[in-house]
Every structure is written in structure tokens, then in C-alpha cells.
Amino acid sequence: MSSKRSSSFRRAIANGRRTLQREILLDETGLGLYKRFVRYVAYEILPCETDRRWYFHQNRLCPPPVFIAIVTIVQIIVFMCYGIMLNKWVLQTYQPDFMKSPLVYHPGHRAQVWRFFSYMFMHVGLEQLGFNALLQLMIGVPLEMVHGILRISLLYMAGVLAGSLTVSITDMRAPVVGGSGGVYALCSAHLANVVMNWAGMRCPYKLLRMILALVCMSSEVGRAVWLRFSPPLPSSGPQPSFMAHLSGAVVGISMGLLILRSYEESLQKQCSWWVIVFSFITFLLFAIFWNIFAYELLGVQIPPPP
């Protein structure tokens, strides 16, 4: 998480090893298609002109932003396989064979640890998959291009894990499907970064785009709440919980804001980063003990696994 930021651009300028041209990056002409895209990403993600130029000149697309792309492709493949097998493309969780998947998180299968992560490849239906895939590609790929695969994958997976663990604590009878925990971690981190650096952001129509993003995210949460408590069709058990959305947003605002704010500085050098890491580990340990002991102590009636 620190290798690409070990040599500060500002320090290099101060020592006279590199000069920063006076005109802003937007004034540069004669750029190819790829370089124009890199410039767009720089203005979309970074709030400082110095950082934008540093990223623009040192970007070599190596390593390429493959994490978000691979996750999205796997999610689409898994969804299509179950859609073809079940002949059902919406509300797939109402199909018992769908909930029998070894990828779905179900409270009755808490001992199968991989389910706390693998549920991100399963989706309720075509609309949830489309929403998550669109946001992942539109926000996640530019973030990964700027901040690197390690930081963005850490943020995404932290949101996914926090989502399933939060559901296991707050909605103990509900299963979980969908990558919303990771998606909301990316989105909330980016939106919080834009708000914190509002004056320096130069992305076009930033207020309108932020309002649209918040409306879309809120509507998706509202839809998840509706499906959880007022399902349109009778089902054999509780519908997937919406708490993964909210916990992913909390992870994005806390952990993600630090990751996106410190483009140059190593995370290991920041005291606040270690506070966030310690808090996340504490939550993780609490959730582990909760899943081991709380269900029996509280006498929770878990619906039988499919």
C-alpha cells in the first residue's frame, strides 16, 4: 500500500528534481484517446492539481485495474448460470435451489466461513446485478486506476465482510446475497472524498452527479428494505437483509476516506489509519464471538438451511 507513494511529488518539486508547468492539466492539447481518459480520471478522483499532474505523467497502466473488472465478470457469469439453470431472472431468492447455493450466506451455515465473502457473487435479480455492476465499473475502475489494486480491493472486501458480519449481528435470521457491501463502500468513500475536497474537485456537474448517486443508492436501500419486510411473493424463509448496504457505507466513509485522501502518503504513517484498522479488527473479533455463542444464548430460531 505504500510502494507507489514512497517518493512524494511535492518533495521532488521542492528539491528541484521535477518542475510543475503553470498551466492546468485541462489546457494540454494533442493528447491521444488513452491520455484523455487518464486526464478525465485524474479530474474525477483527485482534488489537487499537483496530484493530478503527478498521476497523469507517471501513469503507465501497469498493473491494469483488473480487480473490479474480474469481480464484475464473475458476478455476471454466476448470475447467468443460475438464471439459465432456474429459468428465472428476477427475484431469484424465491427459488429454493438458488438459496441452496454454497455461495449464499445463510445463518444456518455460519460455520462455512467462505460464505461471509462468497455471497457477493450472488444477486437477487437482474436489477440488483445491473445496479451493482454499473456502480462498480463507473466508480471502482477509476478509483483502482488512481489508488491501485491493493487499496481498492482492501476497501471492497472490507465492505463485503462488514456487510455479512453486520447482518449476522443485527438481522440474525436473514441470509445475504449481492455485492452491495463492497459497492457501497466504494461509492460512499468516493462521495465523502468529493464532499471533503469540494472546492478542489473539478469533475463536471459534481453537485448533480452527487444528488443522482445518492438518489440511486437510497432507492436501492429502500427496495432492499421492502423486499426484506414486505416480499411480493410468499417464500419459505426470510428474505436477504439490507444491513449489508448500510455497513458497507460506514466502511467506505471511515476506512475508505483515509485511503482516497492520502494519494501520496503511506497509510502506515497515519495514526488515524491504525485507529480505523484497530476498530475494524475489534468489530471482527466481536462478530466472531457473537456468531459462535450468541445464537444459542439468545435462543434465536434460525430458519432451516435450504
C-alpha atoms as a PDB file:
ATOM      1  CA  MET A   1       0.000   0.000   0.000  1.00  0.00           C
ATOM      2  CA  SER A   2       3.000   2.306   0.182  1.00  0.00           C
ATOM      3  CA  SER A   3       5.347   1.421  -2.697  1.00  0.00           C
ATOM      4  CA  LYS A   4       3.832   3.702  -5.349  1.00  0.00           C
ATOM      5  CA  ARG A   5       3.732   6.611  -2.873  1.00  0.00           C
ATOM      6  CA  SER A   6       7.253   6.263  -1.441  1.00  0.00           C
ATOM      7  CA  SER A   7       8.575   9.248  -3.455  1.00  0.00           C
ATOM      8  CA  SER A   8       6.420  12.322  -2.922  1.00  0.00           C
ATOM      9  CA  PHE A   9       5.811  14.541  -5.932  1.00  0.00           C
ATOM     10  CA  ARG A  10       5.731  17.633  -3.749  1.00  0.00           C
ATOM     11  CA  ARG A  11       9.076  16.689  -2.208  1.00  0.00           C
ATOM     12  CA  ALA A  12      10.547  16.164  -5.666  1.00  0.00           C
ATOM     13  CA  ILE A  13       9.361  19.612  -6.735  1.00  0.00           C
ATOM     14  CA  ALA A  14      10.782  21.195  -3.599  1.00  0.00           C
ATOM     15  CA  ASN A  15      14.170  19.601  -4.241  1.00  0.00           C
ATOM     16  CA  GLY A  16      14.229  20.824  -7.837  1.00  0.00           C
ATOM     17  CA  ARG A  17      14.176  17.365  -9.409  1.00  0.00           C
ATOM     18  CA  ARG A  18      10.930  17.964 -11.225  1.00  0.00           C
ATOM     19  CA  THR A  19       9.146  21.069 -12.417  1.00  0.00           C
ATOM     20  CA  LEU A  20       5.423  21.639 -12.497  1.00  0.00           C
ATOM     21  CA  GLN A  21       4.114  23.513 -15.504  1.00  0.00           C
ATOM     22  CA  ARG A  22       1.999  26.536 -14.708  1.00  0.00           C
ATOM     23  CA  GLU A  23      -0.968  25.761 -16.909  1.00  0.00           C
ATOM     24  CA  ILE A  24      -3.548  23.359 -15.604  1.00  0.00           C
ATOM     25  CA  LEU A  25      -3.802  19.850 -16.975  1.00  0.00           C
ATOM     26  CA  LEU A  26      -7.028  20.624 -18.829  1.00  0.00           C
ATOM     27  CA  ASP A  27      -5.116  23.042 -21.084  1.00  0.00           C
ATOM     28  CA  GLU A  28      -2.894  20.350 -22.570  1.00  0.00           C
ATOM     29  CA  THR A  29      -3.694  19.637 -26.226  1.00  0.00           C
ATOM     30  CA  GLY A  30      -2.796  16.952 -28.737  1.00  0.00           C
ATOM     31  CA  LEU A  31      -3.476  14.064 -26.359  1.00  0.00           C
ATOM     32  CA  GLY A  32      -4.401  10.605 -27.554  1.00  0.00           C
ATOM     33  CA  LEU A  33      -7.583   8.807 -26.552  1.00  0.00           C
ATOM     34  CA  TYR A  34      -5.966   6.936 -23.646  1.00  0.00           C
ATOM     35  CA  LYS A  35      -4.256  10.023 -22.254  1.00  0.00           C
ATOM     36  CA  ARG A  36      -7.512  11.965 -22.436  1.00  0.00           C
ATOM     37  CA  PHE A  37      -9.165   9.190 -20.441  1.00  0.00           C
ATOM     38  CA  VAL A  38      -6.352   9.304 -17.870  1.00  0.00           C
ATOM     39  CA  ARG A  39      -6.833  13.054 -17.582  1.00  0.00           C
ATOM     40  CA  TYR A  40     -10.565  12.546 -17.083  1.00  0.00           C
ATOM     41  CA  VAL A  41      -9.868  10.009 -14.317  1.00  0.00           C
ATOM     42  CA  ALA A  42      -7.407  12.408 -12.654  1.00  0.00           C
ATOM     43  CA  TYR A  43     -10.011  15.176 -12.513  1.00  0.00           C
ATOM     44  CA  GLU A  44     -12.722  12.737 -11.451  1.00  0.00           C
ATOM     45  CA  ILE A  45     -10.804  11.336  -8.480  1.00  0.00           C
ATOM     46  CA  LEU A  46      -8.072  13.742  -7.333  1.00  0.00           C
ATOM     47  CA  PRO A  47      -8.791  17.154  -5.738  1.00  0.00           C
ATOM     48  CA  CYS A  48      -5.318  18.709  -6.161  1.00  0.00           C
ATOM     49  CA  GLU A  49      -3.781  19.919  -9.438  1.00  0.00           C
ATOM     50  CA  THR A  50      -0.334  18.794  -8.318  1.00  0.00           C
ATOM     51  CA  ASP A  51      -1.579  15.279  -7.658  1.00  0.00           C
ATOM     52  CA  ARG A  52      -3.392  15.235 -10.995  1.00  0.00           C
ATOM     53  CA  ARG A  53      -0.254  16.107 -12.923  1.00  0.00           C
ATOM     54  CA  TRP A  54       1.809  13.617 -10.948  1.00  0.00           C
ATOM     55  CA  TYR A  55      -0.695  10.851 -11.688  1.00  0.00           C
ATOM     56  CA  PHE A  56      -1.093  11.921 -15.338  1.00  0.00           C
ATOM     57  CA  HIS A  57       2.656  11.843 -16.065  1.00  0.00           C
ATOM     58  CA  GLN A  58       3.564   8.692 -14.135  1.00  0.00           C
ATOM     59  CA  ASN A  59       0.573   6.561 -15.173  1.00  0.00           C
ATOM     60  CA  ARG A  60       1.631   3.542 -17.239  1.00  0.00           C
ATOM     61  CA  LEU A  61      -1.420   1.280 -16.804  1.00  0.00           C
ATOM     62  CA  CYS A  62       0.786  -1.237 -15.016  1.00  0.00           C
ATOM     63  CA  PRO A  63      -0.677  -3.051 -13.237  1.00  0.00           C
ATOM     64  CA  PRO A  64      -4.011  -2.578 -15.023  1.00  0.00           C
ATOM     65  CA  PRO A  65      -7.220  -2.107 -12.992  1.00  0.00           C
ATOM     66  CA  VAL A  66      -8.284  -5.741 -13.092  1.00  0.00           C
ATOM     67  CA  PHE A  67      -9.813  -6.352  -9.650  1.00  0.00           C
ATOM     68  CA  ILE A  68     -13.145  -4.597 -10.178  1.00  0.00           C
ATOM     69  CA  ALA A  69     -13.371  -5.950 -13.740  1.00  0.00           C
ATOM     70  CA  ILE A  70     -12.780  -9.546 -12.612  1.00  0.00           C
ATOM     71  CA  VAL A  71     -15.285  -9.292  -9.751  1.00  0.00           C
ATOM     72  CA  THR A  72     -17.933  -7.871 -12.092  1.00  0.00           C
ATOM     73  CA  ILE A  73     -17.342 -10.542 -14.753  1.00  0.00           C
ATOM     74  CA  VAL A  74     -17.582 -13.363 -12.174  1.00  0.00           C
ATOM     75  CA  GLN A  75     -20.797 -11.883 -10.774  1.00  0.00           C
ATOM     76  CA  ILE A  76     -22.328 -11.746 -14.255  1.00  0.00           C
ATOM     77  CA  ILE A  77     -21.247 -15.323 -15.072  1.00  0.00           C
ATOM     78  CA  VAL A  78     -22.645 -16.698 -11.800  1.00  0.00           C
ATOM     79  CA  PHE A  79     -25.906 -14.822 -12.307  1.00  0.00           C
ATOM     80  CA  MET A  80     -26.293 -16.110 -15.877  1.00  0.00           C
ATOM     81  CA  CYS A  81     -25.554 -19.690 -14.818  1.00  0.00           C
ATOM     82  CA  TYR A  82     -28.265 -19.612 -12.153  1.00  0.00           C
ATOM     83  CA  GLY A  83     -30.625 -17.725 -14.456  1.00  0.00           C
ATOM     84  CA  ILE A  84     -30.313 -20.411 -17.127  1.00  0.00           C
ATOM     85  CA  MET A  85     -30.489 -23.260 -14.601  1.00  0.00           C
ATOM     86  CA  LEU A  86     -33.549 -21.878 -12.787  1.00  0.00           C
ATOM     87  CA  ASN A  87     -35.123 -20.155 -15.811  1.00  0.00           C
ATOM     88  CA  LYS A  88     -35.639 -17.173 -13.516  1.00  0.00           C
ATOM     89  CA  TRP A  89     -34.026 -13.747 -13.953  1.00  0.00           C
ATOM     90  CA  VAL A  90     -35.752 -11.698 -11.242  1.00  0.00           C
ATOM     91  CA  LEU A  91     -36.350 -12.437  -7.551  1.00  0.00           C
ATOM     92  CA  GLN A  92     -34.123 -15.483  -7.753  1.00  0.00           C
ATOM     93  CA  THR A  93     -34.065 -15.828  -3.951  1.00  0.00           C
ATOM     94  CA  TYR A  94     -37.664 -17.121  -4.118  1.00  0.00           C
ATOM     95  CA  GLN A  95     -36.333 -20.216  -5.858  1.00  0.00           C
ATOM     96  CA  PRO A  96     -35.248 -22.841  -3.248  1.00  0.00           C
ATOM     97  CA  ASP A  97     -32.474 -24.164  -5.476  1.00  0.00           C
ATOM     98  CA  PHE A  98     -30.948 -20.684  -5.591  1.00  0.00           C
ATOM     99  CA  MET A  99     -30.736 -20.490  -1.799  1.00  0.00           C
ATOM    100  CA  LYS A 100     -29.090 -23.935  -1.711  1.00  0.00           C
ATOM    101  CA  SER A 101     -26.034 -22.469  -3.406  1.00  0.00           C
ATOM    102  CA  PRO A 102     -22.779 -22.854  -1.437  1.00  0.00           C
ATOM    103  CA  LEU A 103     -22.094 -19.170  -2.168  1.00  0.00           C
ATOM    104  CA  VAL A 104     -25.102 -17.689  -0.319  1.00  0.00           C
ATOM    105  CA  TYR A 105     -24.612 -16.568   3.266  1.00  0.00           C
ATOM    106  CA  HIS A 106     -27.212 -18.295   5.433  1.00  0.00           C
ATOM    107  CA  PRO A 107     -27.217 -18.109   9.266  1.00  0.00           C
ATOM    108  CA  GLY A 108     -27.626 -21.857   9.400  1.00  0.00           C
ATOM    109  CA  HIS A 109     -24.299 -22.259   7.573  1.00  0.00           C
ATOM    110  CA  ARG A 110     -22.238 -19.788   9.627  1.00  0.00           C
ATOM    111  CA  ALA A 111     -19.510 -22.376  10.170  1.00  0.00           C
ATOM    112  CA  GLN A 112     -18.718 -22.272   6.440  1.00  0.00           C
ATOM    113  CA  VAL A 113     -16.530 -19.195   6.661  1.00  0.00           C
ATOM    114  CA  TRP A 114     -16.189 -18.605   2.922  1.00  0.00           C
ATOM    115  CA  ARG A 115     -19.886 -17.699   2.762  1.00  0.00           C
ATOM    116  CA  PHE A 116     -19.130 -14.412   4.567  1.00  0.00           C
ATOM    117  CA  PHE A 117     -17.314 -13.397   1.352  1.00  0.00           C
ATOM    118  CA  SER A 118     -18.755 -15.535  -1.454  1.00  0.00           C
ATOM    119  CA  TYR A 119     -22.279 -14.118  -1.144  1.00  0.00           C
ATOM    120  CA  MET A 120     -21.050 -11.094  -3.116  1.00  0.00           C
ATOM    121  CA  PHE A 121     -21.253 -13.194  -6.319  1.00  0.00           C
ATOM    122  CA  MET A 122     -24.989 -13.939  -5.891  1.00  0.00           C
ATOM    123  CA  HIS A 123     -27.755 -11.428  -6.668  1.00  0.00           C
ATOM    124  CA  VAL A 124     -31.487 -11.186  -6.052  1.00  0.00           C
ATOM    125  CA  GLY A 125     -32.234 -10.445  -9.687  1.00  0.00           C
ATOM    126  CA  LEU A 126     -31.253  -8.677 -12.848  1.00  0.00           C
ATOM    127  CA  GLU A 127     -31.934  -5.203 -11.456  1.00  0.00           C
ATOM    128  CA  GLN A 128     -29.674  -5.650  -8.428  1.00  0.00           C
ATOM    129  CA  LEU A 129     -26.884  -7.078 -10.564  1.00  0.00           C
ATOM    130  CA  GLY A 130     -27.207  -4.244 -13.079  1.00  0.00           C
ATOM    131  CA  PHE A 131     -27.136  -1.592 -10.377  1.00  0.00           C
ATOM    132  CA  ASN A 132     -24.074  -3.060  -8.643  1.00  0.00           C
ATOM    133  CA  ALA A 133     -22.173  -3.752 -11.864  1.00  0.00           C
ATOM    134  CA  LEU A 134     -22.808  -0.240 -13.178  1.00  0.00           C
ATOM    135  CA  LEU A 135     -21.599   1.464  -9.994  1.00  0.00           C
ATOM    136  CA  GLN A 136     -18.601  -0.853  -9.682  1.00  0.00           C
ATOM    137  CA  LEU A 137     -17.413  -0.075 -13.178  1.00  0.00           C
ATOM    138  CA  MET A 138     -18.191   3.647 -13.147  1.00  0.00           C
ATOM    139  CA  ILE A 139     -16.659   4.366  -9.728  1.00  0.00           C
ATOM    140  CA  GLY A 140     -14.478   1.374  -8.907  1.00  0.00           C
ATOM    141  CA  VAL A 141     -12.379   1.273 -12.081  1.00  0.00           C
ATOM    142  CA  PRO A 142     -11.279   4.964 -11.910  1.00  0.00           C
ATOM    143  CA  LEU A 143     -10.558   4.555  -8.193  1.00  0.00           C
ATOM    144  CA  GLU A 144      -8.468   1.461  -8.884  1.00  0.00           C
ATOM    145  CA  MET A 145      -6.581   3.237 -11.675  1.00  0.00           C
ATOM    146  CA  VAL A 146      -5.554   6.029  -9.298  1.00  0.00           C
ATOM    147  CA  HIS A 147      -5.148   4.281  -5.952  1.00  0.00           C
ATOM    148  CA  GLY A 148      -4.042   0.827  -7.061  1.00  0.00           C
ATOM    149  CA  ILE A 149      -5.447  -2.671  -6.863  1.00  0.00           C
ATOM    150  CA  LEU A 150      -4.303  -3.340  -3.283  1.00  0.00           C
ATOM    151  CA  ARG A 151      -6.056  -0.371  -1.694  1.00  0.00           C
ATOM    152  CA  ILE A 152      -9.299  -0.709  -3.643  1.00  0.00           C
ATOM    153  CA  SER A 153      -9.523  -4.475  -3.212  1.00  0.00           C
ATOM    154  CA  LEU A 154      -8.935  -3.999   0.529  1.00  0.00           C
ATOM    155  CA  LEU A 155     -11.727  -1.417   0.685  1.00  0.00           C
ATOM    156  CA  TYR A 156     -14.137  -3.537  -1.362  1.00  0.00           C
ATOM    157  CA  MET A 157     -13.537  -6.756   0.565  1.00  0.00           C
ATOM    158  CA  ALA A 158     -13.731  -4.927   3.904  1.00  0.00           C
ATOM    159  CA  GLY A 159     -17.180  -3.684   2.872  1.00  0.00           C
ATOM    160  CA  VAL A 160     -18.240  -7.197   1.842  1.00  0.00           C
ATOM    161  CA  LEU A 161     -17.047  -8.764   5.108  1.00  0.00           C
ATOM    162  CA  ALA A 162     -18.552  -5.994   7.233  1.00  0.00           C
ATOM    163  CA  GLY A 163     -21.850  -6.492   5.413  1.00  0.00           C
ATOM    164  CA  SER A 164     -22.245 -10.190   6.233  1.00  0.00           C
ATOM    165  CA  LEU A 165     -20.959  -9.784   9.799  1.00  0.00           C
ATOM    166  CA  THR A 166     -23.334  -6.900  10.474  1.00  0.00           C
ATOM    167  CA  VAL A 167     -26.264  -8.954   9.217  1.00  0.00           C
ATOM    168  CA  SER A 168     -25.220 -11.847  11.455  1.00  0.00           C
ATOM    169  CA  ILE A 169     -25.436  -9.478  14.446  1.00  0.00           C
ATOM    170  CA  THR A 170     -28.398  -7.220  13.658  1.00  0.00           C
ATOM    171  CA  ASP A 171     -30.635  -9.418  11.466  1.00  0.00           C
ATOM    172  CA  MET A 172     -29.768 -12.852  12.762  1.00  0.00           C
ATOM    173  CA  ARG A 173     -32.352 -14.892  10.837  1.00  0.00           C
ATOM    174  CA  ALA A 174     -31.719 -13.353   7.406  1.00  0.00           C
ATOM    175  CA  PRO A 175     -29.485 -14.594   4.567  1.00  0.00           C
ATOM    176  CA  VAL A 176     -27.346 -12.244   2.459  1.00  0.00           C
ATOM    177  CA  VAL A 177     -26.752 -12.071  -1.296  1.00  0.00           C
ATOM    178  CA  GLY A 178     -25.272  -9.407  -3.556  1.00  0.00           C
ATOM    179  CA  GLY A 179     -22.125  -7.308  -3.663  1.00  0.00           C
ATOM    180  CA  SER A 180     -23.800  -4.237  -2.195  1.00  0.00           C
ATOM    181  CA  GLY A 181     -21.493  -4.124   0.841  1.00  0.00           C
ATOM    182  CA  GLY A 182     -18.423  -3.654  -1.350  1.00  0.00           C
ATOM    183  CA  VAL A 183     -20.231  -1.395  -3.838  1.00  0.00           C
ATOM    184  CA  TYR A 184     -21.486   0.940  -1.119  1.00  0.00           C
ATOM    185  CA  ALA A 185     -18.019   1.039   0.434  1.00  0.00           C
ATOM    186  CA  LEU A 186     -16.597   2.315  -2.868  1.00  0.00           C
ATOM    187  CA  CYS A 187     -19.449   4.763  -3.501  1.00  0.00           C
ATOM    188  CA  SER A 188     -19.605   6.246  -0.021  1.00  0.00           C
ATOM    189  CA  ALA A 189     -15.812   6.621   0.103  1.00  0.00           C
ATOM    190  CA  HIS A 190     -15.773   8.449  -3.217  1.00  0.00           C
ATOM    191  CA  LEU A 191     -18.739  10.681  -2.345  1.00  0.00           C
ATOM    192  CA  ALA A 192     -17.242  11.517   1.052  1.00  0.00           C
ATOM    193  CA  ASN A 193     -13.934  12.359  -0.619  1.00  0.00           C
ATOM    194  CA  VAL A 194     -15.726  14.695  -3.045  1.00  0.00           C
ATOM    195  CA  VAL A 195     -17.524  16.444  -0.177  1.00  0.00           C
ATOM    196  CA  MET A 196     -14.350  16.807   1.908  1.00  0.00           C
ATOM    197  CA  ASN A 197     -12.492  18.301  -1.072  1.00  0.00           C
ATOM    198  CA  TRP A 198     -15.414  20.091  -2.708  1.00  0.00           C
ATOM    199  CA  ALA A 199     -13.510  23.245  -3.664  1.00  0.00           C
ATOM    200  CA  GLY A 200     -10.676  21.337  -5.314  1.00  0.00           C
ATOM    201  CA  MET A 201     -12.754  18.845  -7.302  1.00  0.00           C
ATOM    202  CA  ARG A 202     -13.068  19.759 -10.981  1.00  0.00           C
ATOM    203  CA  CYS A 203     -15.347  16.967 -12.209  1.00  0.00           C
ATOM    204  CA  PRO A 204     -18.219  18.431 -14.287  1.00  0.00           C
ATOM    205  CA  TYR A 205     -21.713  18.711 -12.801  1.00  0.00           C
ATOM    206  CA  LYS A 206     -20.426  17.367  -9.483  1.00  0.00           C
ATOM    207  CA  LEU A 207     -23.481  18.508  -7.493  1.00  0.00           C
ATOM    208  CA  LEU A 208     -25.961  16.970  -9.930  1.00  0.00           C
ATOM    209  CA  ARG A 209     -23.967  13.745 -10.122  1.00  0.00           C
ATOM    210  CA  MET A 210     -23.760  13.505  -6.333  1.00  0.00           C
ATOM    211  CA  ILE A 211     -27.512  14.013  -5.996  1.00  0.00           C
ATOM    212  CA  LEU A 212     -28.192  11.324  -8.604  1.00  0.00           C
ATOM    213  CA  ALA A 213     -25.795   8.910  -6.885  1.00  0.00           C
ATOM    214  CA  LEU A 214     -27.453   9.496  -3.504  1.00  0.00           C
ATOM    215  CA  VAL A 215     -30.924   9.046  -5.007  1.00  0.00           C
ATOM    216  CA  CYS A 216     -29.894   5.776  -6.688  1.00  0.00           C
ATOM    217  CA  MET A 217     -28.239   4.450  -3.529  1.00  0.00           C
ATOM    218  CA  SER A 218     -31.196   5.439  -1.357  1.00  0.00           C
ATOM    219  CA  SER A 219     -33.691   3.838  -3.737  1.00  0.00           C
ATOM    220  CA  GLU A 220     -31.690   0.609  -3.751  1.00  0.00           C
ATOM    221  CA  VAL A 221     -31.674   0.543   0.061  1.00  0.00           C
ATOM    222  CA  GLY A 222     -35.399   1.253   0.086  1.00  0.00           C
ATOM    223  CA  ARG A 223     -36.016  -1.575  -2.330  1.00  0.00           C
ATOM    224  CA  ALA A 224     -33.950  -3.948  -0.180  1.00  0.00           C
ATOM    225  CA  VAL A 225     -35.940  -2.943   2.918  1.00  0.00           C
ATOM    226  CA  TRP A 226     -39.203  -3.547   1.044  1.00  0.00           C
ATOM    227  CA  LEU A 227     -38.108  -6.997  -0.117  1.00  0.00           C
ATOM    228  CA  ARG A 228     -36.960  -7.868   3.412  1.00  0.00           C
ATOM    229  CA  PHE A 229     -40.143  -6.946   5.273  1.00  0.00           C
ATOM    230  CA  SER A 230     -42.873  -6.927   2.585  1.00  0.00           C
ATOM    231  CA  PRO A 231     -41.919  -9.537  -0.007  1.00  0.00           C
ATOM    232  CA  PRO A 232     -44.209  -9.503  -3.056  1.00  0.00           C
ATOM    233  CA  LEU A 233     -44.388 -13.310  -3.169  1.00  0.00           C
ATOM    234  CA  PRO A 234     -44.680 -15.956  -0.439  1.00  0.00           C
ATOM    235  CA  SER A 235     -41.341 -17.525   0.412  1.00  0.00           C
ATOM    236  CA  SER A 236     -40.093 -20.355   2.579  1.00  0.00           C
ATOM    237  CA  GLY A 237     -37.935 -18.136   4.799  1.00  0.00           C
ATOM    238  CA  PRO A 238     -36.728 -14.589   5.495  1.00  0.00           C
ATOM    239  CA  GLN A 239     -35.566 -12.579   2.520  1.00  0.00           C
ATOM    240  CA  PRO A 240     -31.971 -11.221   2.273  1.00  0.00           C
ATOM    241  CA  SER A 241     -31.141  -8.412   4.669  1.00  0.00           C
ATOM    242  CA  PHE A 242     -30.454  -4.788   3.723  1.00  0.00           C
ATOM    243  CA  MET A 243     -27.939  -4.187   6.526  1.00  0.00           C
ATOM    244  CA  ALA A 244     -25.017  -5.009   4.216  1.00  0.00           C
ATOM    245  CA  HIS A 245     -25.735  -1.791   2.310  1.00  0.00           C
ATOM    246  CA  LEU A 246     -25.514   0.341   5.440  1.00  0.00           C
ATOM    247  CA  SER A 247     -22.434  -1.319   6.886  1.00  0.00           C
ATOM    248  CA  GLY A 248     -20.661  -1.018   3.534  1.00  0.00           C
ATOM    249  CA  ALA A 249     -21.380   2.711   3.551  1.00  0.00           C
ATOM    250  CA  VAL A 250     -19.941   3.024   7.074  1.00  0.00           C
ATOM    251  CA  VAL A 251     -16.775   1.201   5.992  1.00  0.00           C
ATOM    252  CA  GLY A 252     -16.445   3.494   2.988  1.00  0.00           C
ATOM    253  CA  ILE A 253     -16.816   6.690   4.996  1.00  0.00           C
ATOM    254  CA  SER A 254     -14.366   5.577   7.689  1.00  0.00           C
ATOM    255  CA  MET A 255     -11.709   3.379   6.099  1.00  0.00           C
ATOM    256  CA  GLY A 256     -12.272   4.454   2.504  1.00  0.00           C
ATOM    257  CA  LEU A 257     -11.998   8.169   3.148  1.00  0.00           C
ATOM    258  CA  LEU A 258      -8.489   7.690   4.506  1.00  0.00           C
ATOM    259  CA  ILE A 259      -7.491   5.503   1.565  1.00  0.00           C
ATOM    260  CA  LEU A 260      -8.702   8.019  -1.013  1.00  0.00           C
ATOM    261  CA  ARG A 261      -7.489  11.121   0.799  1.00  0.00           C
ATOM    262  CA  SER A 262      -3.841  10.078   1.050  1.00  0.00           C
ATOM    263  CA  TYR A 263      -2.843   9.707  -2.582  1.00  0.00           C
ATOM    264  CA  GLU A 264       0.879  10.137  -1.827  1.00  0.00           C
ATOM    265  CA  GLU A 265       1.292   9.404   1.857  1.00  0.00           C
ATOM    266  CA  SER A 266       1.798   5.836   3.041  1.00  0.00           C
ATOM    267  CA  LEU A 267      -1.142   4.585   5.083  1.00  0.00           C
ATOM    268  CA  GLN A 268       1.224   3.055   7.642  1.00  0.00           C
ATOM    269  CA  LYS A 269       2.434   6.541   8.595  1.00  0.00           C
ATOM    270  CA  GLN A 270      -1.012   7.799   9.569  1.00  0.00           C
ATOM    271  CA  CYS A 271      -2.193   7.422  13.156  1.00  0.00           C
ATOM    272  CA  SER A 272      -5.834   7.642  12.080  1.00  0.00           C
ATOM    273  CA  TRP A 273      -5.342   4.682   9.736  1.00  0.00           C
ATOM    274  CA  TRP A 274      -4.234   2.467  12.610  1.00  0.00           C
ATOM    275  CA  VAL A 275      -7.213   3.638  14.678  1.00  0.00           C
ATOM    276  CA  ILE A 276      -9.547   2.557  11.867  1.00  0.00           C
ATOM    277  CA  VAL A 277      -7.742  -0.781  11.459  1.00  0.00           C
ATOM    278  CA  PHE A 278      -7.902  -1.424  15.215  1.00  0.00           C
ATOM    279  CA  SER A 279     -11.619  -0.596  15.243  1.00  0.00           C
ATOM    280  CA  PHE A 280     -12.293  -2.951  12.320  1.00  0.00           C
ATOM    281  CA  ILE A 281     -10.320  -5.793  13.961  1.00  0.00           C
ATOM    282  CA  THR A 282     -12.215  -5.224  17.222  1.00  0.00           C
ATOM    283  CA  PHE A 283     -15.515  -5.430  15.344  1.00  0.00           C
ATOM    284  CA  LEU A 284     -14.299  -8.571  13.557  1.00  0.00           C
ATOM    285  CA  LEU A 285     -13.392 -10.316  16.839  1.00  0.00           C
ATOM    286  CA  PHE A 286     -16.694  -9.293  18.425  1.00  0.00           C
ATOM    287  CA  ALA A 287     -18.603 -10.645  15.409  1.00  0.00           C
ATOM    288  CA  ILE A 288     -16.717 -13.957  15.555  1.00  0.00           C
ATOM    289  CA  PHE A 289     -17.588 -14.473  19.226  1.00  0.00           C
ATOM    290  CA  TRP A 290     -21.157 -13.362  18.541  1.00  0.00           C
ATOM    291  CA  ASN A 291     -21.580 -15.953  15.789  1.00  0.00           C
ATOM    292  CA  ILE A 292     -20.123 -18.680  17.988  1.00  0.00           C
ATOM    293  CA  PHE A 293     -22.070 -18.044  21.197  1.00  0.00           C
ATOM    294  CA  ALA A 294     -24.911 -15.521  20.789  1.00  0.00           C
ATOM    295  CA  TYR A 295     -27.294 -17.584  18.665  1.00  0.00           C
ATOM    296  CA  GLU A 296     -27.559 -20.321  21.282  1.00  0.00           C
ATOM    297  CA  LEU A 297     -27.522 -17.964  24.278  1.00  0.00           C
ATOM    298  CA  LEU A 298     -30.329 -15.839  22.822  1.00  0.00           C
ATOM    299  CA  GLY A 299     -32.282 -18.846  21.601  1.00  0.00           C
ATOM    300  CA  VAL A 300     -32.630 -17.481  18.065  1.00  0.00           C
ATOM    301  CA  GLN A 301     -34.878 -19.632  15.912  1.00  0.00           C
ATOM    302  CA  ILE A 302     -32.910 -19.892  12.687  1.00  0.00           C
ATOM    303  CA  PRO A 303     -34.890 -20.992   9.631  1.00  0.00           C
ATOM    304  CA  PRO A 304     -33.655 -24.391   8.481  1.00  0.00           C
ATOM    305  CA  PRO A 305     -30.978 -24.199   5.793  1.00  0.00           C
ATOM    306  CA  PRO A 306     -32.352 -24.933   2.310  1.00  0.00           C
END
